[in-house]
Amino acid sequence: MGMVLSACPDIVDYAKGGISNWRDFVATAAVVRSMLGISPSAWEEAKTVMGESQAAIVVSCILQRGEAIRSAGGYLRGLTRKAETGEFSLGPILMAQINTRLHGKRTA
């Protein structure tokens, strides 16, 4: 979970009592999901296809990317489709997010 929180630290701002385990992380992602306008059905489908933790990680990445993603629900549904066909992996998304944060720190 440490790598996820270093890649996507903004989700911690929405945690009621902090994030100390995966249950806290998933619960916080559910709150963020609603704020981002991701429908309950898109969230449930993503959890079913990807698994609860992976779906929560994707939501945290969507939150972190902010304005770069116009339709959070559409983006999540698209990744869910890819996951169904085995074309989705969390690794590249997390690494891209980490690289973006590292690059941003260097230029800031």
N, C-alpha and C. Protein backbone atom coordinates (compact mmCIF):
# COMPACT_ATOMS: atom_id res chain seq x y z
N MET A 1 0.83 -1.19 0.00
CA MET A 1 0.00 0.00 0.00
C MET A 1 0.87 1.25 0.00
N GLY A 2 2.08 1.16 0.49
CA GLY A 2 2.98 2.32 0.54
C GLY A 2 3.24 2.91 -0.83
N MET A 3 3.48 2.04 -1.81
CA MET A 3 3.74 2.53 -3.17
C MET A 3 2.51 3.25 -3.72
N VAL A 4 1.34 2.72 -3.45
CA VAL A 4 0.10 3.34 -3.93
C VAL A 4 -0.07 4.72 -3.31
N LEU A 5 0.14 4.84 -2.02
CA LEU A 5 -0.04 6.13 -1.35
C LEU A 5 1.04 7.13 -1.75
N SER A 6 2.23 6.65 -2.11
CA SER A 6 3.24 7.60 -2.58
C SER A 6 2.93 8.05 -4.00
N ALA A 7 2.30 7.18 -4.78
CA ALA A 7 1.91 7.55 -6.16
C ALA A 7 0.67 8.44 -6.15
N CYS A 8 -0.24 8.18 -5.24
CA CYS A 8 -1.53 8.86 -5.21
C CYS A 8 -1.83 9.37 -3.80
N PRO A 9 -1.09 10.35 -3.32
CA PRO A 9 -1.27 10.80 -1.93
C PRO A 9 -2.55 11.59 -1.67
N ASP A 10 -3.18 12.12 -2.70
CA ASP A 10 -4.35 12.97 -2.49
C ASP A 10 -5.50 12.24 -1.81
N ILE A 11 -5.59 10.92 -1.98
CA ILE A 11 -6.71 10.16 -1.41
C ILE A 11 -6.70 10.24 0.12
N VAL A 12 -5.53 10.42 0.72
CA VAL A 12 -5.44 10.49 2.18
C VAL A 12 -6.25 11.67 2.72
N ASP A 13 -6.37 12.74 1.93
CA ASP A 13 -7.14 13.91 2.36
C ASP A 13 -8.61 13.59 2.59
N TYR A 14 -9.09 12.50 2.02
CA TYR A 14 -10.51 12.14 2.11
C TYR A 14 -10.77 11.03 3.12
N ALA A 15 -9.74 10.53 3.77
CA ALA A 15 -9.89 9.45 4.76
C ALA A 15 -10.32 10.05 6.09
N LYS A 16 -11.35 9.49 6.67
CA LYS A 16 -11.87 10.01 7.95
C LYS A 16 -10.84 9.90 9.06
N GLY A 17 -10.23 8.75 9.20
CA GLY A 17 -9.27 8.56 10.29
C GLY A 17 -7.91 8.12 9.79
N GLY A 18 -7.56 8.53 8.57
CA GLY A 18 -6.30 8.09 7.98
C GLY A 18 -6.47 6.75 7.28
N ILE A 19 -5.42 6.34 6.60
CA ILE A 19 -5.44 5.05 5.90
C ILE A 19 -4.31 4.20 6.47
N SER A 20 -4.70 3.18 7.22
CA SER A 20 -3.69 2.32 7.83
C SER A 20 -3.76 0.88 7.32
N ASN A 21 -4.78 0.56 6.53
CA ASN A 21 -4.88 -0.79 5.97
C ASN A 21 -5.73 -0.74 4.69
N TRP A 22 -5.82 -1.88 4.02
CA TRP A 22 -6.55 -1.93 2.75
C TRP A 22 -8.04 -1.64 2.94
N ARG A 23 -8.60 -2.04 4.06
CA ARG A 23 -10.02 -1.77 4.32
C ARG A 23 -10.27 -0.26 4.35
N ASP A 24 -9.38 0.48 5.05
CA ASP A 24 -9.49 1.94 5.09
C ASP A 24 -9.35 2.53 3.68
N PHE A 25 -8.42 1.98 2.92
CA PHE A 25 -8.16 2.47 1.57
C PHE A 25 -9.39 2.28 0.67
N VAL A 26 -9.96 1.09 0.71
CA VAL A 26 -11.14 0.79 -0.12
C VAL A 26 -12.33 1.66 0.31
N ALA A 27 -12.52 1.83 1.62
CA ALA A 27 -13.62 2.66 2.12
C ALA A 27 -13.45 4.11 1.67
N THR A 28 -12.23 4.60 1.71
CA THR A 28 -11.95 5.98 1.27
C THR A 28 -12.16 6.11 -0.24
N ALA A 29 -11.76 5.10 -0.99
CA ALA A 29 -11.97 5.13 -2.45
C ALA A 29 -13.46 5.16 -2.77
N ALA A 30 -14.28 4.50 -1.95
CA ALA A 30 -15.73 4.52 -2.18
C ALA A 30 -16.28 5.94 -2.01
N VAL A 31 -15.76 6.68 -1.04
CA VAL A 31 -16.16 8.08 -0.84
C VAL A 31 -15.72 8.93 -2.03
N VAL A 32 -14.46 8.75 -2.43
CA VAL A 32 -13.90 9.51 -3.55
C VAL A 32 -14.65 9.18 -4.84
N ARG A 33 -15.00 7.93 -5.00
CA ARG A 33 -15.76 7.49 -6.19
C ARG A 33 -16.99 8.34 -6.37
N SER A 34 -17.72 8.54 -5.31
CA SER A 34 -18.94 9.33 -5.36
C SER A 34 -18.63 10.79 -5.73
N MET A 35 -17.60 11.34 -5.12
CA MET A 35 -17.21 12.73 -5.42
C MET A 35 -16.80 12.93 -6.87
N LEU A 36 -16.16 11.92 -7.44
CA LEU A 36 -15.70 12.02 -8.83
C LEU A 36 -16.84 11.82 -9.83
N GLY A 37 -18.01 11.46 -9.33
CA GLY A 37 -19.15 11.24 -10.22
C GLY A 37 -19.18 9.87 -10.85
N ILE A 38 -18.45 8.92 -10.27
CA ILE A 38 -18.46 7.54 -10.77
C ILE A 38 -19.70 6.87 -10.20
N SER A 39 -20.52 6.31 -11.07
CA SER A 39 -21.79 5.71 -10.64
C SER A 39 -21.55 4.48 -9.77
N PRO A 40 -22.52 4.18 -8.90
CA PRO A 40 -22.41 2.95 -8.10
C PRO A 40 -22.26 1.71 -8.98
N SER A 41 -22.93 1.68 -10.12
CA SER A 41 -22.83 0.48 -10.98
C SER A 41 -21.44 0.34 -11.58
N ALA A 42 -20.83 1.44 -11.99
CA ALA A 42 -19.46 1.38 -12.54
C ALA A 42 -18.48 0.92 -11.45
N TRP A 43 -18.67 1.41 -10.24
CA TRP A 43 -17.81 1.04 -9.11
C TRP A 43 -17.96 -0.44 -8.78
N GLU A 44 -19.21 -0.92 -8.70
CA GLU A 44 -19.46 -2.33 -8.39
C GLU A 44 -18.88 -3.24 -9.47
N GLU A 45 -19.06 -2.84 -10.72
CA GLU A 45 -18.54 -3.65 -11.82
C GLU A 45 -17.01 -3.71 -11.77
N ALA A 46 -16.38 -2.57 -11.50
CA ALA A 46 -14.91 -2.54 -11.41
C ALA A 46 -14.43 -3.43 -10.28
N LYS A 47 -15.10 -3.39 -9.12
CA LYS A 47 -14.70 -4.24 -7.99
C LYS A 47 -14.87 -5.71 -8.33
N THR A 48 -15.95 -6.03 -9.05
CA THR A 48 -16.19 -7.42 -9.42
C THR A 48 -15.13 -7.94 -10.39
N VAL A 49 -14.80 -7.13 -11.37
CA VAL A 49 -13.86 -7.55 -12.41
C VAL A 49 -12.40 -7.49 -11.94
N MET A 50 -12.03 -6.37 -11.30
CA MET A 50 -10.63 -6.15 -10.93
C MET A 50 -10.29 -6.63 -9.52
N GLY A 51 -11.31 -6.71 -8.69
CA GLY A 51 -11.08 -6.95 -7.27
C GLY A 51 -11.16 -5.61 -6.55
N GLU A 52 -11.56 -5.67 -5.30
CA GLU A 52 -11.81 -4.46 -4.52
C GLU A 52 -10.58 -3.55 -4.42
N SER A 53 -9.43 -4.12 -4.09
CA SER A 53 -8.22 -3.31 -3.91
C SER A 53 -7.77 -2.66 -5.20
N GLN A 54 -7.77 -3.43 -6.29
CA GLN A 54 -7.34 -2.86 -7.58
C GLN A 54 -8.28 -1.76 -8.03
N ALA A 55 -9.58 -1.95 -7.87
CA ALA A 55 -10.55 -0.92 -8.25
C ALA A 55 -10.31 0.35 -7.43
N ALA A 56 -10.02 0.18 -6.14
CA ALA A 56 -9.75 1.33 -5.27
C ALA A 56 -8.47 2.05 -5.71
N ILE A 57 -7.47 1.31 -6.12
CA ILE A 57 -6.23 1.92 -6.60
C ILE A 57 -6.50 2.73 -7.87
N VAL A 58 -7.29 2.18 -8.77
CA VAL A 58 -7.63 2.91 -10.00
C VAL A 58 -8.35 4.22 -9.66
N VAL A 59 -9.30 4.17 -8.73
CA VAL A 59 -10.02 5.39 -8.32
C VAL A 59 -9.05 6.41 -7.73
N SER A 60 -8.08 5.94 -6.94
CA SER A 60 -7.12 6.88 -6.36
C SER A 60 -6.24 7.51 -7.45
N CYS A 61 -5.92 6.74 -8.48
CA CYS A 61 -5.15 7.29 -9.61
C CYS A 61 -5.99 8.32 -10.38
N ILE A 62 -7.27 8.03 -10.57
CA ILE A 62 -8.16 8.97 -11.24
C ILE A 62 -8.22 10.28 -10.44
N LEU A 63 -8.35 10.17 -9.13
CA LEU A 63 -8.37 11.36 -8.27
C LEU A 63 -7.07 12.14 -8.43
N GLN A 64 -5.96 11.44 -8.41
CA GLN A 64 -4.65 12.09 -8.48
C GLN A 64 -4.46 12.83 -9.80
N ARG A 65 -4.98 12.28 -10.87
CA ARG A 65 -4.81 12.90 -12.19
C ARG A 65 -5.74 14.09 -12.39
N GLY A 66 -6.75 14.19 -11.53
CA GLY A 66 -7.61 15.37 -11.52
C GLY A 66 -8.22 15.73 -12.86
N GLU A 67 -7.95 16.95 -13.29
CA GLU A 67 -8.56 17.50 -14.50
C GLU A 67 -8.14 16.78 -15.78
N ALA A 68 -7.09 15.99 -15.72
CA ALA A 68 -6.62 15.29 -16.92
C ALA A 68 -7.63 14.27 -17.42
N ILE A 69 -8.54 13.84 -16.54
CA ILE A 69 -9.56 12.85 -16.91
C ILE A 69 -10.92 13.54 -16.87
N ARG A 70 -11.53 13.69 -18.04
CA ARG A 70 -12.80 14.42 -18.13
C ARG A 70 -13.97 13.63 -17.56
N SER A 71 -14.00 12.33 -17.83
CA SER A 71 -15.10 11.50 -17.35
C SER A 71 -14.54 10.35 -16.52
N ALA A 72 -14.54 10.54 -15.20
CA ALA A 72 -13.98 9.52 -14.32
C ALA A 72 -14.72 8.19 -14.47
N GLY A 73 -16.04 8.25 -14.57
CA GLY A 73 -16.82 7.02 -14.72
C GLY A 73 -16.54 6.31 -16.03
N GLY A 74 -16.45 7.08 -17.10
CA GLY A 74 -16.13 6.49 -18.41
C GLY A 74 -14.74 5.88 -18.42
N TYR A 75 -13.81 6.55 -17.78
CA TYR A 75 -12.43 6.06 -17.70
C TYR A 75 -12.39 4.74 -16.92
N LEU A 76 -13.08 4.71 -15.78
CA LEU A 76 -13.11 3.48 -14.99
C LEU A 76 -13.78 2.35 -15.76
N ARG A 77 -14.88 2.65 -16.44
CA ARG A 77 -15.55 1.61 -17.24
C ARG A 77 -14.63 1.08 -18.35
N GLY A 78 -13.89 1.98 -18.98
CA GLY A 78 -12.96 1.57 -20.04
C GLY A 78 -11.88 0.63 -19.49
N LEU A 79 -11.33 0.98 -18.34
CA LEU A 79 -10.31 0.11 -17.73
C LEU A 79 -10.91 -1.20 -17.26
N THR A 80 -12.16 -1.18 -16.82
CA THR A 80 -12.84 -2.41 -16.42
C THR A 80 -12.99 -3.33 -17.62
N ARG A 81 -13.36 -2.78 -18.78
CA ARG A 81 -13.46 -3.58 -20.01
C ARG A 81 -12.12 -4.23 -20.34
N LYS A 82 -11.04 -3.42 -20.24
CA LYS A 82 -9.70 -3.97 -20.52
C LYS A 82 -9.35 -5.07 -19.53
N ALA A 83 -9.72 -4.89 -18.27
CA ALA A 83 -9.43 -5.91 -17.26
C ALA A 83 -10.18 -7.21 -17.57
N GLU A 84 -11.39 -7.08 -18.08
CA GLU A 84 -12.18 -8.28 -18.42
C GLU A 84 -11.49 -9.12 -19.48
N THR A 85 -10.80 -8.46 -20.40
CA THR A 85 -10.14 -9.17 -21.49
C THR A 85 -8.66 -9.42 -21.22
N GLY A 86 -8.21 -9.11 -20.01
CA GLY A 86 -6.83 -9.35 -19.64
C GLY A 86 -5.85 -8.33 -20.19
N GLU A 87 -6.35 -7.18 -20.65
CA GLU A 87 -5.48 -6.17 -21.25
C GLU A 87 -5.10 -5.05 -20.29
N PHE A 88 -5.44 -5.20 -19.01
CA PHE A 88 -5.18 -4.15 -18.04
C PHE A 88 -4.23 -4.63 -16.97
N SER A 89 -3.28 -3.78 -16.63
CA SER A 89 -2.36 -4.06 -15.53
C SER A 89 -2.16 -2.78 -14.73
N LEU A 90 -2.20 -2.89 -13.43
CA LEU A 90 -2.01 -1.73 -12.56
C LEU A 90 -0.60 -1.17 -12.61
N GLY A 91 0.38 -2.02 -12.82
CA GLY A 91 1.78 -1.60 -12.78
C GLY A 91 2.08 -0.37 -13.61
N PRO A 92 1.75 -0.38 -14.90
CA PRO A 92 2.06 0.79 -15.73
C PRO A 92 1.37 2.08 -15.26
N ILE A 93 0.15 1.97 -14.78
CA ILE A 93 -0.57 3.16 -14.31
C ILE A 93 0.11 3.72 -13.06
N LEU A 94 0.46 2.85 -12.13
CA LEU A 94 1.13 3.31 -10.91
C LEU A 94 2.51 3.89 -11.22
N MET A 95 3.26 3.24 -12.09
CA MET A 95 4.59 3.75 -12.42
C MET A 95 4.50 5.10 -13.13
N ALA A 96 3.53 5.26 -14.01
CA ALA A 96 3.36 6.55 -14.68
C ALA A 96 3.03 7.63 -13.67
N GLN A 97 2.19 7.30 -12.69
CA GLN A 97 1.82 8.26 -11.66
C GLN A 97 3.03 8.64 -10.81
N ILE A 98 3.83 7.65 -10.43
CA ILE A 98 5.04 7.92 -9.65
C ILE A 98 6.00 8.79 -10.45
N ASN A 99 6.20 8.45 -11.73
CA ASN A 99 7.09 9.24 -12.57
C ASN A 99 6.60 10.68 -12.73
N THR A 100 5.30 10.86 -12.86
CA THR A 100 4.73 12.20 -12.97
C THR A 100 5.01 12.99 -11.70
N ARG A 101 4.83 12.36 -10.55
CA ARG A 101 5.08 13.04 -9.28
C ARG A 101 6.56 13.37 -9.11
N LEU A 102 7.43 12.46 -9.48
CA LEU A 102 8.87 12.71 -9.37
C LEU A 102 9.30 13.85 -10.30
N HIS A 103 8.78 13.82 -11.50
CA HIS A 103 9.11 14.88 -12.47
C HIS A 103 8.58 16.23 -11.98
N GLY A 104 7.38 16.22 -11.42
CA GLY A 104 6.79 17.45 -10.91
C GLY A 104 7.60 18.04 -9.75
N LYS A 105 8.15 17.16 -8.90
CA LYS A 105 8.96 17.63 -7.77
C LYS A 105 10.26 18.25 -8.26
N ARG A 106 10.85 17.67 -9.31
CA ARG A 106 12.11 18.18 -9.82
C ARG A 106 11.94 19.56 -10.44
N THR A 107 10.80 19.77 -11.13
CA THR A 107 10.60 21.04 -11.82
C THR A 107 9.95 22.10 -10.94
N ALA A 108 9.47 21.70 -9.79
CA ALA A 108 8.79 22.66 -8.91
C ALA A 108 9.78 23.59 -8.21
